[in-house]
Amino acid sequence: MSPAERPRILITETLATRPLQWLEARAVLVQCASDDADFPEHLRNADALIVRTYTTVDQSLLDRAPRLRIIGRAGVGLDNVDLEVCRVRKIPVVYTPDANTQAVVEYVFTLLLDHLRPHPSLAGPVDDATWRTLRAEHVGRHELRERTLGILGFGRIGSRVARVARAIGMNVRYNDLQRKPDADRVGAPFVELEELFSDSHIVTLHIDGRASNRSFVNDRLIGRMRPDAVLINTSRGMVVDHAALASFLNGHPEASALLDVHAPEPVVPENPLLTCPNATLFPHLASRTEAALENMSWVVRDVMAGLNGEPLQFPAGEGA
């Protein structure tokens, strides 16, 4: 196929090298951020669009993309893509639903273990007194097998978090919009939402960014948490009421929050959690492994399949 005959694919955020090279051999690629001055012109001529986290696909964007035949989301969440609008326009959306599960699960336990088990490193030799002081001062208060883990959202990531937690010896329970038949086999019973927050030593959030989940973890649920609870959020920043969480943390110095996602991103000076000494904020790193980034980038295969009229492996919603 000559370059003139190849489809034009607009990519708004970075893709991994191998999937990008694979796609480059099959299509004409244009890489341009959605806030770039040239974006409208490239969008007008694009046959396909590939986005990641920070490009919003809505009615306004689609109105400026008359040639668009398919949209690829290189990632798991679809809250930045209006699936209903895409369905009406008959533009299929494809994504990579299991691409970063392992990376996020590992990250959850990295945050948790770092938090519960202080472990300073040595830059060089120390004397006997310093050695003894370091060992005396850095003692973990709890082992994971002594903790109850509450999982909000029992999809791919939440269910795998449960399996790892049970293997370590934790007591695990979950809440989800739907009861999951495999949860009992994992050893994670369903509990009501209020019980999940009131009885868990650690609560980890794995719900999506749909509009109805905005501030889902609100003052009512946060207020039920134990005074020494640990809240972990690696899902979406918008699912937590930041002001309510800051108020709780300020009133409960033994509690803590480990937050990898924020609303908005990047973190703004007005974020009330910045002034909470017991809140630790991270720059959205949960899926940042080379393997996960490449897995997400392989959405290019489905994008080309859609352009060629072939079956789609991972269509999203009714528009696929």
Protein backbone atom coordinates (compact mmCIF):
# COMPACT_ATOMS: atom_id res chain seq x y z
CA MET A 1 0.00 0.00 0.00
CA SER A 2 1.44 3.37 -0.99
CA PRO A 3 1.69 6.18 1.60
CA ALA A 4 -1.13 7.99 -0.17
CA GLU A 5 -3.41 4.98 0.30
CA ARG A 6 -2.58 4.39 3.95
CA PRO A 7 -4.99 5.62 6.63
CA ARG A 8 -4.02 8.69 8.64
CA ILE A 9 -3.86 8.07 12.39
CA LEU A 10 -3.64 10.93 14.86
CA ILE A 11 -1.87 10.12 18.16
CA THR A 12 -2.26 12.66 20.96
CA GLU A 13 -0.07 11.07 23.66
CA THR A 14 3.03 8.90 23.81
CA LEU A 15 2.97 5.25 22.72
CA ALA A 16 5.63 2.62 23.37
CA THR A 17 8.29 2.13 20.70
CA ARG A 18 7.46 -1.34 19.35
CA PRO A 19 3.70 -0.77 18.88
CA LEU A 20 4.44 2.62 17.35
CA GLN A 21 6.87 1.09 14.86
CA TRP A 22 4.36 -1.66 14.04
CA LEU A 23 1.71 0.95 13.31
CA GLU A 24 4.09 3.17 11.35
CA ALA A 25 4.60 0.36 8.85
CA ARG A 26 0.87 0.27 8.15
CA ALA A 27 -0.39 3.86 8.39
CA VAL A 28 0.56 7.50 8.14
CA LEU A 29 1.09 8.69 11.71
CA VAL A 30 0.66 12.20 13.02
CA GLN A 31 1.67 12.82 16.64
CA CYS A 32 0.13 15.98 18.03
CA ALA A 33 -1.14 16.87 21.51
CA SER A 34 -4.79 17.89 21.74
CA ASP A 35 -3.85 21.35 23.02
CA ASP A 36 -1.43 22.03 20.15
CA ALA A 37 -2.32 24.77 17.66
CA ASP A 38 -2.14 22.30 14.75
CA PHE A 39 -4.46 19.76 16.37
CA PRO A 40 -7.72 20.90 14.68
CA GLU A 41 -6.20 20.54 11.21
CA HIS A 42 -4.78 17.10 11.95
CA LEU A 43 -8.07 16.01 13.51
CA ARG A 44 -10.00 17.09 10.43
CA ASN A 45 -7.91 14.76 8.26
CA ALA A 46 -7.64 11.79 10.64
CA ASP A 47 -9.14 8.37 9.86
CA ALA A 48 -8.37 7.14 13.37
CA LEU A 49 -7.55 8.73 16.71
CA ILE A 50 -5.45 7.19 19.51
CA VAL A 51 -5.61 8.81 22.95
CA ARG A 52 -4.47 8.01 26.44
CA THR A 53 -5.40 9.77 29.69
CA TYR A 54 -5.41 13.49 29.03
CA THR A 55 -7.37 13.81 25.78
CA THR A 56 -11.15 14.18 26.07
CA VAL A 57 -13.22 12.65 23.29
CA ASP A 58 -16.62 14.33 23.29
CA GLN A 59 -19.20 15.81 20.91
CA SER A 60 -17.06 18.87 20.28
CA LEU A 61 -14.08 16.81 19.22
CA LEU A 62 -16.11 14.49 17.00
CA ASP A 63 -17.78 17.43 15.28
CA ARG A 64 -14.32 18.45 14.08
CA ALA A 65 -13.40 14.96 12.84
CA PRO A 66 -15.50 14.21 9.75
CA ARG A 67 -13.29 11.33 8.54
CA LEU A 68 -12.89 9.54 11.87
CA ARG A 69 -13.67 5.81 11.67
CA ILE A 70 -12.31 4.43 14.94
CA ILE A 71 -10.93 5.62 18.29
CA GLY A 72 -8.31 3.78 20.32
CA ARG A 73 -7.82 4.38 24.03
CA ALA A 74 -4.35 3.16 25.02
CA GLY A 75 -5.35 2.23 28.54
CA VAL A 76 -8.06 0.83 30.77
CA GLY A 77 -10.38 3.63 31.89
CA LEU A 78 -12.84 5.10 29.41
CA ASP A 79 -14.10 8.08 31.38
CA ASN A 80 -12.38 10.51 29.01
CA VAL A 81 -14.30 9.05 26.04
CA ASP A 82 -18.01 9.76 25.61
CA LEU A 83 -19.10 6.30 24.48
CA GLU A 84 -22.70 7.35 23.87
CA VAL A 85 -21.68 10.09 21.47
CA CYS A 86 -19.37 7.65 19.69
CA ARG A 87 -22.20 5.12 19.45
CA VAL A 88 -24.53 7.67 17.89
CA ARG A 89 -21.84 8.60 15.39
CA LYS A 90 -21.21 4.87 14.74
CA ILE A 91 -17.53 5.26 15.62
CA PRO A 92 -16.21 2.17 17.42
CA VAL A 93 -13.96 2.61 20.44
CA VAL A 94 -11.29 0.06 21.37
CA TYR A 95 -9.16 -0.12 24.48
CA THR A 96 -6.82 -2.41 26.48
CA PRO A 97 -8.78 -3.60 29.53
CA ASP A 98 -6.18 -5.86 31.17
CA ALA A 99 -3.02 -4.08 30.08
CA ASN A 100 -1.95 -2.60 33.40
CA THR A 101 -3.58 -4.89 35.97
CA GLN A 102 -0.33 -6.44 37.15
CA ALA A 103 1.44 -3.08 37.33
CA VAL A 104 -1.30 -1.47 39.42
CA VAL A 105 -1.59 -4.43 41.79
CA GLU A 106 2.16 -4.43 42.40
CA TYR A 107 2.05 -0.68 42.98
CA VAL A 108 -0.75 -0.93 45.56
CA PHE A 109 1.33 -3.29 47.65
CA THR A 110 4.47 -1.21 47.08
CA LEU A 111 2.70 1.80 48.60
CA LEU A 112 1.25 -0.25 51.43
CA LEU A 113 4.46 -2.04 52.39
CA ASP A 114 6.51 1.15 52.18
CA HIS A 115 3.97 2.79 54.46
CA LEU A 116 3.77 0.02 57.05
CA ARG A 117 7.40 -1.08 57.08
CA PRO A 118 9.90 1.78 57.47
CA HIS A 119 13.27 0.76 56.04
CA PRO A 120 15.95 3.43 55.79
CA SER A 121 18.95 2.63 53.66
CA LEU A 122 22.59 3.02 54.66
CA ALA A 123 24.83 5.37 52.72
CA GLY A 124 27.94 3.93 54.31
CA PRO A 125 29.31 2.34 57.48
CA VAL A 126 27.83 3.40 60.84
CA ASP A 127 29.02 3.01 64.38
CA ASP A 128 27.47 0.59 66.84
CA ALA A 129 25.31 3.23 68.55
CA THR A 130 23.83 4.46 65.27
CA TRP A 131 23.17 0.89 64.17
CA ARG A 132 21.28 0.15 67.37
CA THR A 133 19.33 3.41 67.13
CA LEU A 134 18.26 2.76 63.56
CA ARG A 135 17.03 -0.73 64.45
CA ALA A 136 15.20 0.55 67.51
CA GLU A 137 13.49 3.45 65.73
CA HIS A 138 12.33 1.64 62.60
CA VAL A 139 9.93 -1.04 63.74
CA GLY A 140 6.77 -1.81 61.79
CA ARG A 141 3.68 -1.45 63.95
CA HIS A 142 1.68 -4.08 62.09
CA GLU A 143 2.12 -7.07 59.84
CA LEU A 144 -0.25 -7.38 56.90
CA ARG A 145 -1.75 -10.58 58.26
CA GLU A 146 -3.02 -8.51 61.20
CA ARG A 147 -4.87 -6.10 58.92
CA THR A 148 -8.28 -6.20 57.24
CA LEU A 149 -8.28 -4.95 53.66
CA GLY A 150 -11.45 -3.46 52.19
CA ILE A 151 -11.59 -3.33 48.39
CA LEU A 152 -14.02 -0.93 46.73
CA GLY A 153 -14.51 -2.18 43.19
CA PHE A 154 -13.95 -5.83 42.35
CA GLY A 155 -13.06 -5.79 38.67
CA ARG A 156 -9.82 -7.02 37.14
CA ILE A 157 -7.58 -5.00 39.45
CA GLY A 158 -9.64 -5.23 42.64
CA SER A 159 -10.03 -9.00 42.37
CA ARG A 160 -6.31 -9.51 41.80
CA VAL A 161 -5.51 -7.27 44.77
CA ALA A 162 -7.73 -9.60 46.79
CA ARG A 163 -5.83 -12.69 45.63
CA VAL A 164 -2.47 -11.17 46.54
CA ALA A 165 -3.74 -9.96 49.90
CA ARG A 166 -5.14 -13.37 50.77
CA ALA A 167 -1.88 -15.03 49.77
CA ILE A 168 -0.06 -12.73 52.20
CA GLY A 169 -2.55 -13.64 54.92
CA MET A 170 -4.76 -10.56 55.10
CA ASN A 171 -8.43 -10.60 55.95
CA VAL A 172 -10.17 -9.34 52.81
CA ARG A 173 -13.65 -8.09 51.99
CA TYR A 174 -15.09 -6.11 49.07
CA ASN A 175 -17.96 -4.00 47.84
CA ASP A 176 -18.98 -3.58 44.21
CA LEU A 177 -22.05 -2.56 42.23
CA GLN A 178 -22.53 -6.27 41.57
CA ARG A 179 -21.76 -9.29 43.70
CA LYS A 180 -18.94 -11.25 42.10
CA PRO A 181 -19.36 -15.04 41.98
CA ASP A 182 -15.61 -15.66 42.13
CA ALA A 183 -15.09 -13.50 45.25
CA ASP A 184 -15.98 -16.27 47.69
CA ARG A 185 -13.44 -18.58 46.04
CA VAL A 186 -10.81 -15.90 46.57
CA GLY A 187 -11.86 -15.60 50.21
CA ALA A 188 -13.23 -12.07 49.92
CA PRO A 189 -16.83 -11.84 51.12
CA PHE A 190 -19.16 -9.07 49.99
CA VAL A 191 -20.00 -6.49 52.67
CA GLU A 192 -22.18 -3.41 52.60
CA LEU A 193 -20.49 -0.15 51.71
CA GLU A 194 -20.68 1.38 55.20
CA GLU A 195 -19.25 -1.77 56.76
CA LEU A 196 -16.38 -1.82 54.30
CA PHE A 197 -15.27 1.63 55.43
CA SER A 198 -15.96 1.21 59.15
CA ASP A 199 -14.36 -2.21 59.68
CA SER A 200 -11.34 -2.15 57.34
CA HIS A 201 -7.90 -1.13 58.53
CA ILE A 202 -6.99 -0.39 54.91
CA VAL A 203 -9.35 0.65 52.12
CA THR A 204 -8.15 0.53 48.52
CA LEU A 205 -10.20 2.10 45.72
CA HIS A 206 -10.62 0.45 42.31
CA ILE A 207 -13.74 2.05 40.82
CA ASP A 208 -13.93 3.77 37.45
CA GLY A 209 -14.35 7.41 36.55
CA ARG A 210 -17.96 7.37 35.34
CA ALA A 211 -19.87 10.55 36.18
CA SER A 212 -21.91 8.87 38.92
CA ASN A 213 -18.71 8.01 40.77
CA ARG A 214 -17.65 11.64 41.24
CA SER A 215 -17.04 12.14 44.98
CA PHE A 216 -18.43 8.63 45.56
CA VAL A 217 -16.11 8.37 48.56
CA ASN A 218 -17.76 11.28 50.33
CA ASP A 219 -17.87 12.68 53.85
CA ARG A 220 -20.40 10.05 54.92
CA LEU A 221 -18.14 7.13 54.00
CA ILE A 222 -14.90 8.83 54.98
CA GLY A 223 -16.38 9.69 58.37
CA ARG A 224 -16.98 5.99 59.02
CA MET A 225 -13.32 5.07 58.66
CA ARG A 226 -11.30 3.89 61.62
CA PRO A 227 -9.23 6.64 63.30
CA ASP A 228 -6.06 4.83 62.17
CA ALA A 229 -7.31 3.78 58.71
CA VAL A 230 -5.17 3.84 55.57
CA LEU A 231 -6.91 4.93 52.36
CA ILE A 232 -5.23 4.07 49.05
CA ASN A 233 -6.45 5.52 45.75
CA THR A 234 -4.95 4.34 42.46
CA SER A 235 -8.21 4.59 40.48
CA ARG A 236 -9.34 8.15 39.68
CA GLY A 237 -8.84 11.30 41.73
CA MET A 238 -12.40 12.46 41.16
CA VAL A 239 -13.93 9.52 43.03
CA VAL A 240 -12.79 11.00 46.37
CA ASP A 241 -14.12 14.17 47.97
CA HIS A 242 -10.76 15.86 48.61
CA ALA A 243 -12.11 18.36 51.13
CA ALA A 244 -13.85 15.66 53.18
CA LEU A 245 -10.73 13.49 53.19
CA ALA A 246 -8.53 16.43 54.24
CA SER A 247 -10.92 17.23 57.08
CA PHE A 248 -10.85 13.61 58.28
CA LEU A 249 -7.06 13.39 58.10
CA ASN A 250 -6.62 16.65 59.99
CA GLY A 251 -8.90 15.36 62.72
CA HIS A 252 -7.32 11.89 62.89
CA PRO A 253 -3.52 12.14 62.94
CA GLU A 254 -3.15 8.34 63.14
CA ALA A 255 -4.99 7.91 59.82
CA SER A 256 -3.25 8.22 56.47
CA ALA A 257 -3.95 8.46 52.76
CA LEU A 258 -1.75 7.24 49.90
CA LEU A 259 -2.99 8.96 46.75
CA ASP A 260 -1.63 8.28 43.28
CA VAL A 261 -4.43 10.01 41.37
CA HIS A 262 -5.86 13.49 41.78
CA ALA A 263 -8.51 15.88 40.51
CA PRO A 264 -7.32 17.77 38.62
CA GLU A 265 -3.98 16.54 37.38
CA PRO A 266 -1.33 17.86 37.70
CA VAL A 267 -1.94 18.65 41.37
CA VAL A 268 -2.92 22.28 41.89
CA PRO A 269 -1.92 24.49 44.84
CA GLU A 270 -5.53 24.60 46.03
CA ASN A 271 -5.63 20.84 46.69
CA PRO A 272 -6.46 20.67 50.42
CA LEU A 273 -4.57 17.40 50.83
CA LEU A 274 -1.24 19.13 50.24
CA THR A 275 -1.35 20.56 53.75
CA CYS A 276 -2.15 17.24 55.44
CA PRO A 277 1.01 15.71 56.92
CA ASN A 278 -0.64 12.29 56.88
CA ALA A 279 -1.50 12.42 53.16
CA THR A 280 1.16 11.29 50.70
CA LEU A 281 0.62 12.29 47.08
CA PHE A 282 2.26 10.55 44.13
CA PRO A 283 2.40 11.62 40.44
CA HIS A 284 0.07 8.98 38.91
CA LEU A 285 2.63 6.18 38.64
CA ALA A 286 0.57 3.02 39.15
CA SER A 287 0.67 1.86 35.53
CA ARG A 288 4.16 3.16 34.81
CA THR A 289 6.04 -0.04 34.00
CA GLU A 290 7.57 -0.71 30.62
CA ALA A 291 5.45 -3.83 30.23
CA ALA A 292 2.19 -2.06 31.06
CA LEU A 293 2.96 0.90 28.82
CA GLU A 294 3.67 -1.43 25.92
CA ASN A 295 0.56 -3.53 26.62
CA MET A 296 -1.60 -0.39 26.56
CA SER A 297 0.06 0.81 23.35
CA TRP A 298 -0.86 -2.41 21.54
CA VAL A 299 -4.33 -0.92 21.14
CA VAL A 300 -2.88 -0.10 17.71
CA ARG A 301 -3.71 -3.66 16.59
CA ASP A 302 -7.43 -3.12 17.19
CA VAL A 303 -7.27 0.31 15.58
CA MET A 304 -5.87 -1.18 12.39
CA ALA A 305 -8.36 -4.05 12.55
CA GLY A 306 -11.19 -1.55 12.67
CA LEU A 307 -9.81 0.43 9.76
CA ASN A 308 -9.51 -2.80 7.76
CA GLY A 309 -13.02 -3.98 8.59
CA GLU A 310 -11.76 -6.89 10.70
CA PRO A 311 -13.20 -8.15 14.03
CA LEU A 312 -12.23 -6.15 17.11
CA GLN A 313 -10.64 -7.87 20.09
CA PHE A 314 -11.48 -5.29 22.76
CA PRO A 315 -14.43 -3.11 21.75
CA ALA A 316 -15.77 -0.75 24.38
CA GLY A 317 -19.45 -0.21 25.10
CA GLU A 318 -22.26 -0.31 22.57
CA GLY A 319 -20.39 1.77 20.06
CA ALA A 320 -17.95 -1.03 19.24
